[in-house]
PDB file of N, CA and C in Angstrom:
ATOM      1  N   MET A   1      -0.332  20.065  -6.738  1.00  0.00           N
ATOM      2  CA  MET A   1       0.452  20.115  -5.343  1.00  0.00           C
ATOM      3  C   MET A   1       0.587  18.695  -4.767  1.00  0.00           C
ATOM      4  N   LYS A   2      -0.454  17.935  -4.936  1.00  0.00           N
ATOM      5  CA  LYS A   2      -0.347  16.729  -4.325  1.00  0.00           C
ATOM      6  C   LYS A   2       0.668  15.687  -4.915  1.00  0.00           C
ATOM      7  N   LYS A   3       0.649  15.779  -6.240  1.00  0.00           N
ATOM      8  CA  LYS A   3       1.648  15.207  -7.249  1.00  0.00           C
ATOM      9  C   LYS A   3       2.979  15.704  -6.798  1.00  0.00           C
ATOM     10  N   TRP A   4       3.138  16.843  -6.293  1.00  0.00           N
ATOM     11  CA  TRP A   4       4.676  17.033  -5.949  1.00  0.00           C
ATOM     12  C   TRP A   4       5.007  16.604  -4.850  1.00  0.00           C
ATOM     13  N   SER A   5       4.068  16.778  -3.950  1.00  0.00           N
ATOM     14  CA  SER A   5       4.357  16.032  -2.484  1.00  0.00           C
ATOM     15  C   SER A   5       4.627  14.573  -2.501  1.00  0.00           C
ATOM     16  N   PHE A   6       3.909  13.845  -3.376  1.00  0.00           N
ATOM     17  CA  PHE A   6       4.029  12.349  -3.538  1.00  0.00           C
ATOM     18  C   PHE A   6       5.561  12.251  -4.139  1.00  0.00           C
ATOM     19  N   LEU A   7       6.024  13.019  -5.060  1.00  0.00           N
ATOM     20  CA  LEU A   7       7.331  12.836  -5.747  1.00  0.00           C
ATOM     21  C   LEU A   7       8.236  12.971  -4.649  1.00  0.00           C
ATOM     22  N   LEU A   8       8.015  14.015  -3.937  1.00  0.00           N
ATOM     23  CA  LEU A   8       9.078  14.632  -3.074  1.00  0.00           C
ATOM     24  C   LEU A   8       9.347  13.328  -1.944  1.00  0.00           C
ATOM     25  N   SER A   9       7.991  13.059  -1.315  1.00  0.00           N
ATOM     26  CA  SER A   9       8.051  12.166  -0.563  1.00  0.00           C
ATOM     27  C   SER A   9       8.917  10.516  -1.067  1.00  0.00           C
ATOM     28  N   SER A  10       8.546  10.422  -2.192  1.00  0.00           N
ATOM     29  CA  SER A  10       9.189   9.183  -2.803  1.00  0.00           C
ATOM     30  C   SER A  10      10.716   9.277  -2.774  1.00  0.00           C
ATOM     31  N   LEU A  11      10.950  10.470  -3.248  1.00  0.00           N
ATOM     32  CA  LEU A  11      12.425  10.872  -3.294  1.00  0.00           C
ATOM     33  C   LEU A  11      13.224  10.760  -1.813  1.00  0.00           C
ATOM     34  N   LEU A  12      12.342  11.335  -0.823  1.00  0.00           N
ATOM     35  CA  LEU A  12      13.134  10.927   0.331  1.00  0.00           C
ATOM     36  C   LEU A  12      13.271   9.820   0.966  1.00  0.00           C
ATOM     37  N   ILE A  13      12.123   8.992   0.634  1.00  0.00           N
ATOM     38  CA  ILE A  13      12.073   7.646   1.123  1.00  0.00           C
ATOM     39  C   ILE A  13      13.258   6.756   0.370  1.00  0.00           C
ATOM     40  N   SER A  14      13.449   7.255  -0.870  1.00  0.00           N
ATOM     41  CA  SER A  14      14.569   6.291  -1.654  1.00  0.00           C
ATOM     42  C   SER A  14      15.805   6.969  -1.242  1.00  0.00           C
ATOM     43  N   THR A  15      15.992   8.139  -0.695  1.00  0.00           N
ATOM     44  CA  THR A  15      17.395   8.551  -0.400  1.00  0.00           C
ATOM     45  C   THR A  15      18.018   8.179   1.163  1.00  0.00           C
ATOM     46  N   ALA A  16      16.873   7.802   1.754  1.00  0.00           N
ATOM     47  CA  ALA A  16      16.931   7.630   3.349  1.00  0.00           C
ATOM     48  C   ALA A  16      17.922   6.321   3.723  1.00  0.00           C
ATOM     49  N   PHE A  17      17.839   5.407   2.671  1.00  0.00           N
ATOM     50  CA  PHE A  17      18.385   4.227   2.996  1.00  0.00           C
ATOM     51  C   PHE A  17      19.453   3.929   1.864  1.00  0.00           C
ATOM     52  N   ALA A  18      20.296   2.930   2.585  1.00  0.00           N
ATOM     53  CA  ALA A  18      21.841   2.663   1.681  1.00  0.00           C
ATOM     54  C   ALA A  18      21.506   1.701   0.697  1.00  0.00           C
ATOM     55  N   THR A  19      20.621   1.025   0.901  1.00  0.00           N
ATOM     56  CA  THR A  19      19.973   0.076  -0.163  1.00  0.00           C
ATOM     57  C   THR A  19      18.878   0.552  -1.008  1.00  0.00           C
ATOM     58  N   THR A  20      18.538   0.041  -2.051  1.00  0.00           N
ATOM     59  CA  THR A  20      17.646   0.607  -2.917  1.00  0.00           C
ATOM     60  C   THR A  20      16.188   0.039  -2.492  1.00  0.00           C
ATOM     61  N   PRO A  21      15.256   0.848  -2.375  1.00  0.00           N
ATOM     62  CA  PRO A  21      14.120   0.297  -1.945  1.00  0.00           C
ATOM     63  C   PRO A  21      13.351  -0.350  -2.885  1.00  0.00           C
ATOM     64  N   PHE A  22      12.555  -1.177  -2.708  1.00  0.00           N
ATOM     65  CA  PHE A  22      11.698  -2.145  -3.750  1.00  0.00           C
ATOM     66  C   PHE A  22      10.080  -1.612  -3.570  1.00  0.00           C
ATOM     67  N   TYR A  23       9.625  -1.115  -4.698  1.00  0.00           N
ATOM     68  CA  TYR A  23       8.363  -0.658  -4.993  1.00  0.00           C
ATOM     69  C   TYR A  23       7.496  -1.553  -5.777  1.00  0.00           C
ATOM     70  N   ARG A  24       6.100  -1.577  -5.300  1.00  0.00           N
ATOM     71  CA  ARG A  24       5.210  -2.454  -5.828  1.00  0.00           C
ATOM     72  C   ARG A  24       4.051  -1.543  -5.660  1.00  0.00           C
ATOM     73  N   PHE A  25       3.183  -2.036  -6.920  1.00  0.00           N
ATOM     74  CA  PHE A  25       1.811  -1.330  -6.908  1.00  0.00           C
ATOM     75  C   PHE A  25       1.143  -2.818  -6.321  1.00  0.00           C
ATOM     76  N   TRP A  26      -0.070  -2.585  -5.564  1.00  0.00           N
ATOM     77  CA  TRP A  26      -1.032  -3.748  -5.051  1.00  0.00           C
ATOM     78  C   TRP A  26      -2.283  -3.277  -5.548  1.00  0.00           C
ATOM     79  N   ARG A  27      -3.070  -4.170  -6.014  1.00  0.00           N
ATOM     80  CA  ARG A  27      -4.514  -4.026  -6.592  1.00  0.00           C
ATOM     81  C   ARG A  27      -5.248  -5.088  -5.848  1.00  0.00           C
ATOM     82  N   GLY A  28      -6.073  -4.539  -4.998  1.00  0.00           N
ATOM     83  CA  GLY A  28      -7.057  -5.340  -4.393  1.00  0.00           C
ATOM     84  C   GLY A  28      -8.552  -5.131  -4.851  1.00  0.00           C
ATOM     85  N   TYR A  29      -9.222  -6.307  -4.525  1.00  0.00           N
ATOM     86  CA  TYR A  29     -10.689  -6.468  -5.202  1.00  0.00           C
ATOM     87  C   TYR A  29     -11.515  -6.999  -3.866  1.00  0.00           C
ATOM     88  N   LYS A  30     -12.598  -6.117  -3.661  1.00  0.00           N
ATOM     89  CA  LYS A  30     -13.482  -6.789  -2.760  1.00  0.00           C
ATOM     90  C   LYS A  30     -14.254  -8.121  -2.770  1.00  0.00           C
ATOM     91  N   SER A  31     -14.541  -8.791  -1.727  1.00  0.00           N
ATOM     92  CA  SER A  31     -15.011 -10.007  -1.989  1.00  0.00           C
ATOM     93  C   SER A  31     -16.456  -9.746  -2.193  1.00  0.00           C
ATOM     94  N   PRO A  32     -16.933 -10.716  -3.315  1.00  0.00           N
ATOM     95  CA  PRO A  32     -18.284 -10.584  -4.082  1.00  0.00           C
ATOM     96  C   PRO A  32     -19.539 -10.388  -2.666  1.00  0.00           C
ATOM     97  N   HIS A  33     -19.296 -11.061  -1.493  1.00  0.00           N
ATOM     98  CA  HIS A  33     -20.454 -11.151  -0.682  1.00  0.00           C
ATOM     99  C   HIS A  33     -20.489  -9.835   0.142  1.00  0.00           C
ATOM    100  N   LEU A  34     -19.426  -8.979   0.040  1.00  0.00           N
ATOM    101  CA  LEU A  34     -19.679  -7.681   0.794  1.00  0.00           C
ATOM    102  C   LEU A  34     -20.287  -6.659   0.056  1.00  0.00           C
ATOM    103  N   THR A  35     -21.040  -5.653   0.600  1.00  0.00           N
ATOM    104  CA  THR A  35     -21.325  -4.670   0.077  1.00  0.00           C
ATOM    105  C   THR A  35     -20.203  -3.498   0.054  1.00  0.00           C
ATOM    106  N   TYR A  36     -20.267  -2.609  -1.087  1.00  0.00           N
ATOM    107  CA  TYR A  36     -19.244  -1.779  -1.023  1.00  0.00           C
ATOM    108  C   TYR A  36     -18.784  -1.089   0.215  1.00  0.00           C
ATOM    109  N   LEU A  37     -19.864  -0.631   1.040  1.00  0.00           N
ATOM    110  CA  LEU A  37     -19.803   0.309   2.232  1.00  0.00           C
ATOM    111  C   LEU A  37     -19.163  -0.532   3.276  1.00  0.00           C
ATOM    112  N   ASN A  38     -19.510  -1.806   3.421  1.00  0.00           N
ATOM    113  CA  ASN A  38     -18.995  -2.856   4.312  1.00  0.00           C
ATOM    114  C   ASN A  38     -17.151  -2.823   4.073  1.00  0.00           C
ATOM    115  N   PHE A  39     -17.221  -3.042   2.758  1.00  0.00           N
ATOM    116  CA  PHE A  39     -15.607  -3.347   2.194  1.00  0.00           C
ATOM    117  C   PHE A  39     -14.966  -2.062   2.650  1.00  0.00           C
ATOM    118  N   LEU A  40     -15.666  -0.647   2.251  1.00  0.00           N
ATOM    119  CA  LEU A  40     -14.819   0.836   2.869  1.00  0.00           C
ATOM    120  C   LEU A  40     -14.505   0.490   4.225  1.00  0.00           C
ATOM    121  N   GLU A  41     -15.428   0.149   4.958  1.00  0.00           N
ATOM    122  CA  GLU A  41     -15.393   0.316   6.562  1.00  0.00           C
ATOM    123  C   GLU A  41     -14.284  -0.915   7.158  1.00  0.00           C
ATOM    124  N   GLY A  42     -14.304  -1.993   6.437  1.00  0.00           N
ATOM    125  CA  GLY A  42     -13.211  -2.884   6.997  1.00  0.00           C
ATOM    126  C   GLY A  42     -11.860  -2.473   6.496  1.00  0.00           C
ATOM    127  N   MET A  43     -11.927  -1.705   5.285  1.00  0.00           N
ATOM    128  CA  MET A  43     -10.258  -1.318   4.778  1.00  0.00           C
ATOM    129  C   MET A  43      -9.902  -0.294   5.635  1.00  0.00           C
ATOM    130  N   ARG A  44     -10.959   0.722   5.922  1.00  0.00           N
ATOM    131  CA  ARG A  44     -10.444   1.986   6.870  1.00  0.00           C
ATOM    132  C   ARG A  44     -10.190   1.282   8.254  1.00  0.00           C
ATOM    133  N   ASN A  45     -10.986   0.538   8.998  1.00  0.00           N
ATOM    134  CA  ASN A  45     -10.992   0.385  10.321  1.00  0.00           C
ATOM    135  C   ASN A  45     -10.124  -0.846  10.712  1.00  0.00           C
ATOM    136  N   ASP A  46      -9.550  -1.872   9.828  1.00  0.00           N
ATOM    137  CA  ASP A  46      -8.851  -3.051  10.054  1.00  0.00           C
ATOM    138  C   ASP A  46      -7.843  -3.095   9.052  1.00  0.00           C
ATOM    139  N   PHE A  47      -8.099  -3.204   7.798  1.00  0.00           N
ATOM    140  CA  PHE A  47      -6.837  -3.690   6.985  1.00  0.00           C
ATOM    141  C   PHE A  47      -5.965  -2.754   6.877  1.00  0.00           C
ATOM    142  N   MET A  48      -6.183  -1.609   6.780  1.00  0.00           N
ATOM    143  CA  MET A  48      -4.998  -0.631   6.323  1.00  0.00           C
ATOM    144  C   MET A  48      -4.145  -0.468   7.454  1.00  0.00           C
ATOM    145  N   SER A  49      -4.617  -0.351   8.759  1.00  0.00           N
ATOM    146  CA  SER A  49      -3.837  -0.194   9.945  1.00  0.00           C
ATOM    147  C   SER A  49      -2.953  -1.754  10.272  1.00  0.00           C
ATOM    148  N   LYS A  50      -3.801  -2.993  10.033  1.00  0.00           N
ATOM    149  CA  LYS A  50      -3.204  -3.921  10.273  1.00  0.00           C
ATOM    150  C   LYS A  50      -1.980  -4.347   9.244  1.00  0.00           C
ATOM    151  N   THR A  51      -2.174  -3.894   8.188  1.00  0.00           N
ATOM    152  CA  THR A  51      -0.864  -3.944   7.151  1.00  0.00           C
ATOM    153  C   THR A  51       0.337  -3.438   7.672  1.00  0.00           C
ATOM    154  N   VAL A  52       0.321  -2.292   8.164  1.00  0.00           N
ATOM    155  CA  VAL A  52       1.336  -1.493   8.506  1.00  0.00           C
ATOM    156  C   VAL A  52       1.795  -2.008   9.970  1.00  0.00           C
ATOM    157  N   THR A  53       1.029  -2.352  10.659  1.00  0.00           N
ATOM    158  CA  THR A  53       1.656  -3.104  12.128  1.00  0.00           C
ATOM    159  C   THR A  53       2.214  -4.406  11.723  1.00  0.00           C
ATOM    160  N   SER A  54       1.435  -5.184  10.800  1.00  0.00           N
ATOM    161  CA  SER A  54       2.157  -6.512  10.533  1.00  0.00           C
ATOM    162  C   SER A  54       3.436  -6.747   9.774  1.00  0.00           C
ATOM    163  N   ALA A  55       3.463  -5.529   9.089  1.00  0.00           N
ATOM    164  CA  ALA A  55       4.867  -5.543   8.058  1.00  0.00           C
ATOM    165  C   ALA A  55       5.879  -4.415   8.526  1.00  0.00           C
ATOM    166  N   GLU A  56       5.602  -3.636   9.245  1.00  0.00           N
ATOM    167  CA  GLU A  56       6.568  -2.421   9.502  1.00  0.00           C
ATOM    168  C   GLU A  56       7.888  -2.878   9.915  1.00  0.00           C
ATOM    169  N   HIS A  57       7.909  -4.023  10.942  1.00  0.00           N
ATOM    170  CA  HIS A  57       9.141  -4.812  11.200  1.00  0.00           C
ATOM    171  C   HIS A  57       9.880  -5.687  10.325  1.00  0.00           C
ATOM    172  N   LYS A  58       9.256  -5.704   9.490  1.00  0.00           N
ATOM    173  CA  LYS A  58       9.786  -6.898   8.340  1.00  0.00           C
ATOM    174  C   LYS A  58      10.168  -6.228   6.938  1.00  0.00           C
ATOM    175  N   GLY A  59      10.269  -5.084   7.015  1.00  0.00           N
ATOM    176  CA  GLY A  59      10.794  -4.350   5.771  1.00  0.00           C
ATOM    177  C   GLY A  59       9.636  -3.405   5.210  1.00  0.00           C
ATOM    178  N   LEU A  60       8.666  -3.250   5.458  1.00  0.00           N
ATOM    179  CA  LEU A  60       7.775  -2.152   4.950  1.00  0.00           C
ATOM    180  C   LEU A  60       8.278  -0.729   5.306  1.00  0.00           C
ATOM    181  N   ILE A  61       8.591   0.041   4.432  1.00  0.00           N
ATOM    182  CA  ILE A  61       8.893   1.349   4.716  1.00  0.00           C
ATOM    183  C   ILE A  61       7.320   2.240   4.457  1.00  0.00           C
ATOM    184  N   ALA A  62       6.727   2.159   3.263  1.00  0.00           N
ATOM    185  CA  ALA A  62       5.461   2.769   3.238  1.00  0.00           C
ATOM    186  C   ALA A  62       4.522   2.106   2.831  1.00  0.00           C
ATOM    187  N   TYR A  63       3.125   2.412   3.050  1.00  0.00           N
ATOM    188  CA  TYR A  63       2.056   1.952   2.219  1.00  0.00           C
ATOM    189  C   TYR A  63       1.222   3.246   2.140  1.00  0.00           C
ATOM    190  N   LEU A  64       0.961   3.238   0.747  1.00  0.00           N
ATOM    191  CA  LEU A  64       0.066   4.536   0.288  1.00  0.00           C
ATOM    192  C   LEU A  64      -1.124   4.029  -0.395  1.00  0.00           C
ATOM    193  N   PRO A  65      -2.171   3.751   0.447  1.00  0.00           N
ATOM    194  CA  PRO A  65      -3.264   3.224  -0.416  1.00  0.00           C
ATOM    195  C   PRO A  65      -4.318   4.263  -0.911  1.00  0.00           C
ATOM    196  N   THR A  66      -4.934   3.913  -1.922  1.00  0.00           N
ATOM    197  CA  THR A  66      -6.193   4.767  -2.362  1.00  0.00           C
ATOM    198  C   THR A  66      -7.427   3.701  -2.530  1.00  0.00           C
ATOM    199  N   LEU A  67      -8.402   4.260  -2.203  1.00  0.00           N
ATOM    200  CA  LEU A  67      -9.899   3.518  -2.515  1.00  0.00           C
ATOM    201  C   LEU A  67     -10.582   4.234  -3.688  1.00  0.00           C
ATOM    202  N   PRO A  68     -10.574   3.934  -4.817  1.00  0.00           N
ATOM    203  CA  PRO A  68     -11.148   4.744  -5.778  1.00  0.00           C
ATOM    204  C   PRO A  68     -12.741   4.538  -5.760  1.00  0.00           C
ATOM    205  N   PRO A  69     -13.473   5.560  -6.187  1.00  0.00           N
ATOM    206  CA  PRO A  69     -15.082   5.421  -6.009  1.00  0.00           C
ATOM    207  C   PRO A  69     -15.470   4.223  -6.772  1.00  0.00           C
ATOM    208  N   GLN A  70     -16.706   3.930  -6.332  1.00  0.00           N
ATOM    209  CA  GLN A  70     -17.063   2.395  -6.930  1.00  0.00           C
ATOM    210  C   GLN A  70     -17.259   2.646  -8.462  1.00  0.00           C
ATOM    211  N   HIS A  71     -17.802   3.665  -8.762  1.00  0.00           N
ATOM    212  CA  HIS A  71     -18.197   3.653 -10.429  1.00  0.00           C
ATOM    213  C   HIS A  71     -16.967   3.440 -11.224  1.00  0.00           C
ATOM    214  N   ILE A  72     -15.933   3.868 -10.821  1.00  0.00           N
ATOM    215  CA  ILE A  72     -14.763   3.953 -11.679  1.00  0.00           C
ATOM    216  C   ILE A  72     -14.390   2.451 -11.920  1.00  0.00           C
ATOM    217  N   ALA A  73     -13.927   2.035 -13.202  1.00  0.00           N
ATOM    218  CA  ALA A  73     -13.512   1.081 -13.613  1.00  0.00           C
ATOM    219  C   ALA A  73     -12.280   0.624 -13.225  1.00  0.00           C
ATOM    220  N   LEU A  74     -11.943   0.472 -11.850  1.00  0.00           N
ATOM    221  CA  LEU A  74     -10.554   0.132 -11.608  1.00  0.00           C
ATOM    222  C   LEU A  74     -10.534  -0.506 -10.181  1.00  0.00           C
ATOM    223  N   PRO A  75      -9.420  -1.423  -9.653  1.00  0.00           N
ATOM    224  CA  PRO A  75      -9.632  -2.282  -8.577  1.00  0.00           C
ATOM    225  C   PRO A  75     -10.261  -1.443  -7.578  1.00  0.00           C
ATOM    226  N   ASP A  76     -10.736  -2.267  -6.365  1.00  0.00           N
ATOM    227  CA  ASP A  76     -11.219  -1.567  -5.242  1.00  0.00           C
ATOM    228  C   ASP A  76     -10.439  -0.585  -4.309  1.00  0.00           C
ATOM    229  N   GLU A  77      -9.017  -1.285  -4.370  1.00  0.00           N
ATOM    230  CA  GLU A  77      -8.103  -0.740  -3.770  1.00  0.00           C
ATOM    231  C   GLU A  77      -6.555  -0.847  -4.690  1.00  0.00           C
ATOM    232  N   ILE A  78      -5.938   0.353  -4.530  1.00  0.00           N
ATOM    233  CA  ILE A  78      -4.782   0.426  -5.361  1.00  0.00           C
ATOM    234  C   ILE A  78      -3.714   1.008  -4.075  1.00  0.00           C
ATOM    235  N   ALA A  79      -2.612   0.484  -3.982  1.00  0.00           N
ATOM    236  CA  ALA A  79      -1.655   1.079  -3.127  1.00  0.00           C
ATOM    237  C   ALA A  79      -0.151   0.912  -3.716  1.00  0.00           C
ATOM    238  N   LEU A  80       0.380   1.872  -3.225  1.00  0.00           N
ATOM    239  CA  LEU A  80       2.012   1.823  -3.523  1.00  0.00           C
ATOM    240  C   LEU A  80       2.469   1.419  -2.146  1.00  0.00           C
ATOM    241  N   VAL A  81       3.363   0.065  -2.392  1.00  0.00           N
ATOM    242  CA  VAL A  81       3.876  -0.391  -1.031  1.00  0.00           C
ATOM    243  C   VAL A  81       5.364  -0.170  -1.289  1.00  0.00           C
ATOM    244  N   VAL A  82       6.155   0.011  -0.566  1.00  0.00           N
ATOM    245  CA  VAL A  82       7.433   0.331  -0.384  1.00  0.00           C
ATOM    246  C   VAL A  82       8.050  -0.510   0.839  1.00  0.00           C
ATOM    247  N   TYR A  83       9.183  -1.426   0.211  1.00  0.00           N
ATOM    248  CA  TYR A  83      10.010  -2.390   1.154  1.00  0.00           C
ATOM    249  C   TYR A  83      11.329  -2.002   1.300  1.00  0.00           C
ATOM    250  N   GLN A  84      11.960  -2.221   2.358  1.00  0.00           N
ATOM    251  CA  GLN A  84      13.690  -1.789   2.435  1.00  0.00           C
ATOM    252  C   GLN A  84      14.452  -2.584   1.119  1.00  0.00           C
ATOM    253  N   THR A  85      14.061  -3.712   0.825  1.00  0.00           N
ATOM    254  CA  THR A  85      14.799  -4.444  -0.067  1.00  0.00           C
ATOM    255  C   THR A  85      13.459  -5.377  -0.988  1.00  0.00           C
ATOM    256  N   LYS A  86      13.842  -5.967  -2.218  1.00  0.00           N
ATOM    257  CA  LYS A  86      13.125  -7.120  -2.842  1.00  0.00           C
ATOM    258  C   LYS A  86      12.994  -8.260  -2.137  1.00  0.00           C
ATOM    259  N   ALA A  87      14.165  -8.443  -1.388  1.00  0.00           N
ATOM    260  CA  ALA A  87      14.102  -9.820  -0.605  1.00  0.00           C
ATOM    261  C   ALA A  87      13.422  -9.732   0.663  1.00  0.00           C
ATOM    262  N   ALA A  88      13.238  -8.385   1.005  1.00  0.00           N
ATOM    263  CA  ALA A  88      12.389  -8.301   2.326  1.00  0.00           C
ATOM    264  C   ALA A  88      10.746  -8.829   1.721  1.00  0.00           C
ATOM    265  N   TYR A  89      10.563  -7.971   0.657  1.00  0.00           N
ATOM    266  CA  TYR A  89       9.228  -8.387   0.226  1.00  0.00           C
ATOM    267  C   TYR A  89       8.870  -9.785  -0.155  1.00  0.00           C
ATOM    268  N   MET A  90      10.084 -10.581  -0.814  1.00  0.00           N
ATOM    269  CA  MET A  90       9.771 -11.796  -1.163  1.00  0.00           C
ATOM    270  C   MET A  90       9.928 -12.450   0.249  1.00  0.00           C
ATOM    271  N   LYS A  91      10.271 -12.471   1.101  1.00  0.00           N
ATOM    272  CA  LYS A  91      10.230 -13.135   2.408  1.00  0.00           C
ATOM    273  C   LYS A  91       8.870 -13.176   2.877  1.00  0.00           C
ATOM    274  N   LEU A  92       7.970 -11.924   2.810  1.00  0.00           N
ATOM    275  CA  LEU A  92       6.867 -11.853   3.200  1.00  0.00           C
ATOM    276  C   LEU A  92       5.745 -12.723   2.547  1.00  0.00           C
ATOM    277  N   LEU A  93       6.099 -12.870   1.335  1.00  0.00           N
ATOM    278  CA  LEU A  93       5.283 -13.893   0.513  1.00  0.00           C
ATOM    279  C   LEU A  93       5.262 -15.302   1.074  1.00  0.00           C
ATOM    280  N   LYS A  94       6.151 -15.686   1.483  1.00  0.00           N
ATOM    281  CA  LYS A  94       6.542 -17.195   1.808  1.00  0.00           C
ATOM    282  C   LYS A  94       5.395 -17.381   2.887  1.00  0.00           C
TER     283      LYS A  94
END
């Protein structure tokens, strides 16, 4: 069910704009000096909300993060980010 909800959401996001949105997967890793619990707290309390508020007026359409369990051999954060255009994303990198 979650897979279908995600696909439907992606389709709705894609069709709601005149231009083709730019999709990108973000991979993030915790700093070695942080404990995993401190990392999770910082991500949940600060980083995720600040990502949205700092980029929502700069072309960010969606930010869909996940924080896999620590014991899985994946990055500490994986997120699908969607921008209005590739140019909007590239402008944020500067």
